């Protein structure tokens, strides 16, 4: 399904008949979205590549790296 160049973050989604979207990570439900957010998500995901879908789902769940992990680890407060 994926090649070595694509990043699989373990996310998947299901859209339900009632318009709700369920986002899963490694088979476990992470979040459910509905209403306008669900419509926007489906529109964005339908025209995105696999890698972009993974990033989109990570953003919707809040489960993504922000790029400041190393900097925070080195902060004197965390020593």
Protein backbone atom coordinates (compact mmCIF):
# COMPACT_ATOMS: atom_id res chain seq x y z
CA UNK A 1 0.00 0.00 0.00
CA UNK A 2 2.71 2.49 0.89
CA UNK A 3 6.18 2.88 -0.50
CA UNK A 4 9.36 3.67 1.41
CA UNK A 5 9.14 7.33 0.44
CA UNK A 6 5.67 7.78 1.93
CA UNK A 7 5.35 8.38 5.64
CA UNK A 8 2.72 6.20 7.25
CA UNK A 9 1.87 7.72 10.61
CA UNK A 10 -0.68 4.99 11.32
CA UNK A 11 -3.79 7.09 10.79
CA UNK A 12 -6.97 6.02 9.03
CA UNK A 13 -10.48 7.40 8.87
CA UNK A 14 -14.03 6.22 8.33
CA UNK A 15 -16.94 8.37 7.30
CA UNK A 16 -20.31 7.34 8.65
CA UNK A 17 -23.80 7.67 7.24
CA UNK A 18 -24.70 10.40 9.73
CA UNK A 19 -21.89 12.62 8.37
CA UNK A 20 -19.52 11.94 11.25
CA UNK A 21 -15.86 11.12 10.59
CA UNK A 22 -13.93 8.81 12.89
CA UNK A 23 -10.13 9.14 12.87
CA UNK A 24 -8.16 6.14 14.09
CA UNK A 25 -4.50 5.55 14.78
CA UNK A 26 -3.25 1.98 14.65
CA UNK A 27 -6.87 0.81 14.79
CA UNK A 28 -7.86 2.76 17.92
CA UNK A 29 -10.35 5.62 17.76
CA UNK A 30 -8.57 8.89 18.41
CA UNK A 31 -11.32 11.41 17.67
CA UNK A 32 -14.71 11.87 16.09
CA UNK A 33 -15.59 14.98 14.14
CA UNK A 34 -18.93 16.11 12.83
CA UNK A 35 -20.71 18.99 11.19
CA UNK A 36 -18.78 21.51 9.15
CA UNK A 37 -15.42 20.19 10.35
CA UNK A 38 -16.26 16.73 9.02
CA UNK A 39 -17.35 18.16 5.66
CA UNK A 40 -14.15 20.20 5.40
CA UNK A 41 -12.05 17.17 6.38
CA UNK A 42 -13.65 14.94 3.71
CA UNK A 43 -13.16 17.63 1.06
CA UNK A 44 -9.49 18.06 1.97
CA UNK A 45 -8.78 14.33 2.32
CA UNK A 46 -10.47 13.33 -0.93
CA UNK A 47 -8.05 15.30 -3.08
CA UNK A 48 -4.89 14.71 -0.99
CA UNK A 49 -2.12 12.19 -1.45
CA UNK A 50 -1.61 9.42 1.12
CA UNK A 51 1.16 11.34 2.89
CA UNK A 52 -0.90 14.54 2.94
CA UNK A 53 -3.88 12.61 4.35
CA UNK A 54 -1.67 11.34 7.17
CA UNK A 55 -0.57 14.90 7.99
CA UNK A 56 -4.16 16.15 7.77
CA UNK A 57 -5.39 13.51 10.22
CA UNK A 58 -2.50 14.27 12.56
CA UNK A 59 -3.46 17.95 12.54
CA UNK A 60 -7.13 17.22 13.19
CA UNK A 61 -6.27 15.01 16.16
CA UNK A 62 -3.58 17.33 17.53
CA UNK A 63 -1.15 14.41 17.40
CA UNK A 64 1.80 15.81 15.51
CA UNK A 65 5.24 17.17 16.27
CA UNK A 66 5.62 20.90 16.39
CA UNK A 67 9.34 21.04 15.69
CA UNK A 68 10.37 22.40 19.08
CA UNK A 69 10.88 19.12 20.98
CA UNK A 70 14.68 19.28 21.04
CA UNK A 71 14.69 22.94 22.06
CA UNK A 72 12.24 22.24 24.92
CA UNK A 73 14.27 19.25 26.10
CA UNK A 74 17.37 21.45 26.42
CA UNK A 75 15.58 24.21 28.33
CA UNK A 76 16.92 24.76 31.87
CA UNK A 77 13.45 24.21 33.32
CA UNK A 78 13.45 20.63 31.97
CA UNK A 79 16.95 19.69 33.11
